[in-house]
Structures are given as structure tokens and as C-alpha cells.
Amino acid sequence: MAMAASTQSTFTTIKKYVVLFGAVSAIVLGAVAVMAFTGHEATPFMWIRAVILLGAAPLIHRMASQAAAGSYRAFDRVRTLATVMPVALIGVDLIPGLCPAWYAVLQGVSALALVAVAVLTRGSALRAAFPKPSGAK
């Protein structure tokens, strides 16, 4: 499916936000490593979450690339992940005592990049480029 230049431009922006999400996730993982190696607290939760979120970034980027090539399924996945992940990230960070404030703030910054993706993927231009296929829920 050939997409308009404006649609491709939007996907370029989406991919940049996903890269930003990945970069902040890498910073978080690096900060956890520094904390651990300097004798400060770095809980298993912090390690596991940082690794998972950094690992999710290239997968979301790949889905965004597939969506830019016309895949409705990839578009729907990016749109869903970009909507659900920030809510989950911030919601978990609000649990008292689960993680230090600096960790929650950095995770919140990464969530902002995904919020931007959610806004772009729910905009009228991309919704028009990806009409709901027949038989889709």
C-alpha cells in the first residue's frame, strides 16, 4: 500500500520518539548498573524492568517500520502499546517504596515519548491511512 508523504513523515516522527524511548531506557539501565557497582541499592525489579523496556524499544521500532510499510496489524500493535505502556509504567512507579524517585522520574520521561507516539497514532491522518479491516474487532 502506497502511503502519502505526510503519513510517511508522521511515521518518521513516531520512529524518532521510539528511539528516544529506547535511549532513555538505556540511560535507566546504565544508571541502575552504576548504582549497583558503586554499592547503592539496585533491586531486581529495577534491573528486570530496565532490561525489558530497553528490549521493547527495538521491537516497537520494528513494528513502526512495518506499519510505515502499510501493515495494519503492526500499526494497531504500535498504537496499542503506545497507549497502554505509559499508563502501566507510571502506574507501577506510583506504588510507594517500589523504586527510588530518580528511577520513577526517568521511567516517566521514557513514558512521555510513548505518549507522543500514542497521540500521533490516534490522530485522524493515520486513522485515515489505516481504515479498520473488515472482520477486525
C-alpha atoms as a PDB file:
ATOM      1  CA  MET A   1       0.000   0.000   0.000  1.00  0.00           C
ATOM      2  CA  ALA A   2       1.482   3.375  -1.015  1.00  0.00           C
ATOM      3  CA  MET A   3       1.290   5.982   1.704  1.00  0.00           C
ATOM      4  CA  ALA A   4       1.174   9.732   1.376  1.00  0.00           C
ATOM      5  CA  ALA A   5       4.296  11.734   2.132  1.00  0.00           C
ATOM      6  CA  SER A   6       2.651  13.258   5.192  1.00  0.00           C
ATOM      7  CA  THR A   7       1.896   9.787   6.531  1.00  0.00           C
ATOM      8  CA  GLN A   8       5.497   8.709   5.976  1.00  0.00           C
ATOM      9  CA  SER A   9       6.649  11.885   7.716  1.00  0.00           C
ATOM     10  CA  THR A  10       4.448  11.038  10.697  1.00  0.00           C
ATOM     11  CA  PHE A  11       5.963   7.559  10.857  1.00  0.00           C
ATOM     12  CA  THR A  12       9.453   9.086  10.745  1.00  0.00           C
ATOM     13  CA  THR A  13       8.490  11.171  13.778  1.00  0.00           C
ATOM     14  CA  ILE A  14       6.997   8.125  15.506  1.00  0.00           C
ATOM     15  CA  LYS A  15      10.214   6.187  14.990  1.00  0.00           C
ATOM     16  CA  LYS A  16      12.215   9.087  16.447  1.00  0.00           C
ATOM     17  CA  TYR A  17      10.049   9.026  19.571  1.00  0.00           C
ATOM     18  CA  VAL A  18      10.554   5.271  19.856  1.00  0.00           C
ATOM     19  CA  VAL A  19      14.321   5.826  19.584  1.00  0.00           C
ATOM     20  CA  LEU A  20      14.018   8.434  22.344  1.00  0.00           C
ATOM     21  CA  PHE A  21      12.138   5.885  24.475  1.00  0.00           C
ATOM     22  CA  GLY A  22      14.966   3.401  23.867  1.00  0.00           C
ATOM     23  CA  ALA A  23      17.664   5.973  24.652  1.00  0.00           C
ATOM     24  CA  VAL A  24      16.054   6.904  27.958  1.00  0.00           C
ATOM     25  CA  SER A  25      15.609   3.199  28.722  1.00  0.00           C
ATOM     26  CA  ALA A  26      19.343   2.685  28.065  1.00  0.00           C
ATOM     27  CA  ILE A  27      20.123   5.580  30.409  1.00  0.00           C
ATOM     28  CA  VAL A  28      17.947   3.982  33.089  1.00  0.00           C
ATOM     29  CA  LEU A  29      19.719   0.640  32.702  1.00  0.00           C
ATOM     30  CA  GLY A  30      23.102   2.390  32.801  1.00  0.00           C
ATOM     31  CA  ALA A  31      22.113   4.284  35.930  1.00  0.00           C
ATOM     32  CA  VAL A  32      20.987   1.060  37.618  1.00  0.00           C
ATOM     33  CA  ALA A  33      24.326  -0.539  36.732  1.00  0.00           C
ATOM     34  CA  VAL A  34      26.277   2.412  38.120  1.00  0.00           C
ATOM     35  CA  MET A  35      24.204   2.340  41.298  1.00  0.00           C
ATOM     36  CA  ALA A  36      24.822  -1.384  41.734  1.00  0.00           C
ATOM     37  CA  PHE A  37      28.551  -1.164  41.057  1.00  0.00           C
ATOM     38  CA  THR A  38      29.011   1.735  43.467  1.00  0.00           C
ATOM     39  CA  GLY A  39      27.322  -0.084  46.330  1.00  0.00           C
ATOM     40  CA  HIS A  40      23.938   1.651  46.170  1.00  0.00           C
ATOM     41  CA  GLU A  41      20.615  -0.132  46.095  1.00  0.00           C
ATOM     42  CA  ALA A  42      19.611  -1.651  42.773  1.00  0.00           C
ATOM     43  CA  THR A  43      16.741  -4.066  43.260  1.00  0.00           C
ATOM     44  CA  PRO A  44      15.939  -6.986  40.969  1.00  0.00           C
ATOM     45  CA  PHE A  45      12.769  -5.095  39.996  1.00  0.00           C
ATOM     46  CA  MET A  46      14.861  -2.173  38.750  1.00  0.00           C
ATOM     47  CA  TRP A  47      17.212  -4.424  36.761  1.00  0.00           C
ATOM     48  CA  ILE A  48      14.492  -6.562  35.193  1.00  0.00           C
ATOM     49  CA  ARG A  49      12.249  -3.667  34.270  1.00  0.00           C
ATOM     50  CA  ALA A  50      15.119  -1.658  32.787  1.00  0.00           C
ATOM     51  CA  VAL A  51      16.229  -4.609  30.648  1.00  0.00           C
ATOM     52  CA  ILE A  52      12.691  -5.404  29.469  1.00  0.00           C
ATOM     53  CA  LEU A  53      11.929  -1.801  28.486  1.00  0.00           C
ATOM     54  CA  LEU A  54      15.238  -1.424  26.652  1.00  0.00           C
ATOM     55  CA  GLY A  55      14.491  -4.693  24.846  1.00  0.00           C
ATOM     56  CA  ALA A  56      10.993  -3.493  23.917  1.00  0.00           C
ATOM     57  CA  ALA A  57      12.277  -0.399  22.125  1.00  0.00           C
ATOM     58  CA  PRO A  58      13.732  -2.148  19.043  1.00  0.00           C
ATOM     59  CA  LEU A  59      10.631  -4.333  18.794  1.00  0.00           C
ATOM     60  CA  ILE A  60       8.328  -1.302  18.820  1.00  0.00           C
ATOM     61  CA  HIS A  61      10.608   0.431  16.299  1.00  0.00           C
ATOM     62  CA  ARG A  62      10.402  -2.589  14.001  1.00  0.00           C
ATOM     63  CA  MET A  63       6.610  -2.607  14.288  1.00  0.00           C
ATOM     64  CA  ALA A  64       6.555   1.120  13.466  1.00  0.00           C
ATOM     65  CA  SER A  65       8.674   0.418  10.370  1.00  0.00           C
ATOM     66  CA  GLN A  66       6.300  -2.346   9.317  1.00  0.00           C
ATOM     67  CA  ALA A  67       3.352  -0.014   9.882  1.00  0.00           C
ATOM     68  CA  ALA A  68       5.050   2.623   7.740  1.00  0.00           C
ATOM     69  CA  ALA A  69       5.238  -0.024   5.017  1.00  0.00           C
ATOM     70  CA  GLY A  70       1.478  -0.499   5.242  1.00  0.00           C
ATOM     71  CA  SER A  71       0.922  -3.231   7.830  1.00  0.00           C
ATOM     72  CA  TYR A  72      -2.338  -2.577   9.664  1.00  0.00           C
ATOM     73  CA  ARG A  73      -1.511  -5.253  12.214  1.00  0.00           C
ATOM     74  CA  ALA A  74       1.823  -3.586  13.078  1.00  0.00           C
ATOM     75  CA  PHE A  75       0.116  -0.180  13.191  1.00  0.00           C
ATOM     76  CA  ASP A  76      -2.513  -1.497  15.596  1.00  0.00           C
ATOM     77  CA  ARG A  77       0.162  -3.031  17.835  1.00  0.00           C
ATOM     78  CA  VAL A  78       2.202   0.177  17.963  1.00  0.00           C
ATOM     79  CA  ARG A  79      -0.931   2.181  18.695  1.00  0.00           C
ATOM     80  CA  THR A  80      -1.963  -0.202  21.479  1.00  0.00           C
ATOM     81  CA  LEU A  81       1.489  -0.460  23.082  1.00  0.00           C
ATOM     82  CA  ALA A  82       1.989   3.311  22.964  1.00  0.00           C
ATOM     83  CA  THR A  83      -1.323   3.756  24.763  1.00  0.00           C
ATOM     84  CA  VAL A  84      -1.018   1.019  27.382  1.00  0.00           C
ATOM     85  CA  MET A  85       2.688   1.155  28.264  1.00  0.00           C
ATOM     86  CA  PRO A  86       2.813   4.730  29.634  1.00  0.00           C
ATOM     87  CA  VAL A  87      -0.183   4.042  31.867  1.00  0.00           C
ATOM     88  CA  ALA A  88       1.432   0.838  33.147  1.00  0.00           C
ATOM     89  CA  LEU A  89       4.841   2.481  33.608  1.00  0.00           C
ATOM     90  CA  ILE A  90       3.521   5.416  35.581  1.00  0.00           C
ATOM     91  CA  GLY A  91       1.012   3.311  37.493  1.00  0.00           C
ATOM     92  CA  VAL A  92       3.682   0.915  38.727  1.00  0.00           C
ATOM     93  CA  ASP A  93       6.026   3.800  39.577  1.00  0.00           C
ATOM     94  CA  LEU A  94       3.348   5.251  41.843  1.00  0.00           C
ATOM     95  CA  ILE A  95       3.417   2.185  44.115  1.00  0.00           C
ATOM     96  CA  PRO A  96       5.078   3.500  47.287  1.00  0.00           C
ATOM     97  CA  GLY A  97       8.509   2.054  48.057  1.00  0.00           C
ATOM     98  CA  LEU A  98       8.815   0.029  44.865  1.00  0.00           C
ATOM     99  CA  CYS A  99      11.524   2.155  43.290  1.00  0.00           C
ATOM    100  CA  PRO A 100      13.505   5.288  44.110  1.00  0.00           C
ATOM    101  CA  ALA A 101      12.236   8.672  42.924  1.00  0.00           C
ATOM    102  CA  TRP A 102      15.047   9.128  40.362  1.00  0.00           C
ATOM    103  CA  TYR A 103      14.095   5.810  38.764  1.00  0.00           C
ATOM    104  CA  ALA A 104      10.412   6.727  38.616  1.00  0.00           C
ATOM    105  CA  VAL A 105      11.241  10.127  37.080  1.00  0.00           C
ATOM    106  CA  LEU A 106      13.402   8.593  34.339  1.00  0.00           C
ATOM    107  CA  GLN A 107      10.745   5.984  33.608  1.00  0.00           C
ATOM    108  CA  GLY A 108       8.198   8.802  33.418  1.00  0.00           C
ATOM    109  CA  VAL A 109      10.367  10.608  30.871  1.00  0.00           C
ATOM    110  CA  SER A 110      10.521   7.465  28.739  1.00  0.00           C
ATOM    111  CA  ALA A 111       6.740   7.143  29.055  1.00  0.00           C
ATOM    112  CA  LEU A 112       6.334  10.679  27.671  1.00  0.00           C
ATOM    113  CA  ALA A 113       7.973   9.569  24.421  1.00  0.00           C
ATOM    114  CA  LEU A 114       5.382   6.810  24.125  1.00  0.00           C
ATOM    115  CA  VAL A 115       2.570   9.230  24.928  1.00  0.00           C
ATOM    116  CA  ALA A 116       3.679  11.245  21.890  1.00  0.00           C
ATOM    117  CA  VAL A 117       3.528   8.052  19.794  1.00  0.00           C
ATOM    118  CA  ALA A 118       0.030   7.322  21.141  1.00  0.00           C
ATOM    119  CA  VAL A 119      -1.147  10.807  20.191  1.00  0.00           C
ATOM    120  CA  LEU A 120       0.303  10.515  16.684  1.00  0.00           C
ATOM    121  CA  THR A 121      -1.088   7.027  16.062  1.00  0.00           C
ATOM    122  CA  ARG A 122      -4.539   8.066  17.205  1.00  0.00           C
ATOM    123  CA  GLY A 123      -4.589  11.161  15.019  1.00  0.00           C
ATOM    124  CA  SER A 124      -7.004  11.477  12.133  1.00  0.00           C
ATOM    125  CA  ALA A 125      -4.285  11.333   9.442  1.00  0.00           C
ATOM    126  CA  LEU A 126      -3.061   7.875  10.422  1.00  0.00           C
ATOM    127  CA  ARG A 127      -6.540   6.589  11.182  1.00  0.00           C
ATOM    128  CA  ALA A 128      -7.491   7.590   7.631  1.00  0.00           C
ATOM    129  CA  ALA A 129      -4.394   5.846   6.259  1.00  0.00           C
ATOM    130  CA  PHE A 130      -5.317   2.677   8.136  1.00  0.00           C
ATOM    131  CA  PRO A 131      -9.043   2.025   7.850  1.00  0.00           C
ATOM    132  CA  LYS A 132     -10.147  -0.815  10.076  1.00  0.00           C
ATOM    133  CA  PRO A 133     -10.040  -4.019   8.016  1.00  0.00           C
ATOM    134  CA  SER A 134     -13.271  -5.924   7.642  1.00  0.00           C
ATOM    135  CA  GLY A 135     -13.557  -8.639  10.245  1.00  0.00           C
ATOM    136  CA  ALA A 136     -11.365  -6.755  12.744  1.00  0.00           C
ATOM    137  CA  LYS A 137     -12.699  -6.265  16.226  1.00  0.00           C
END
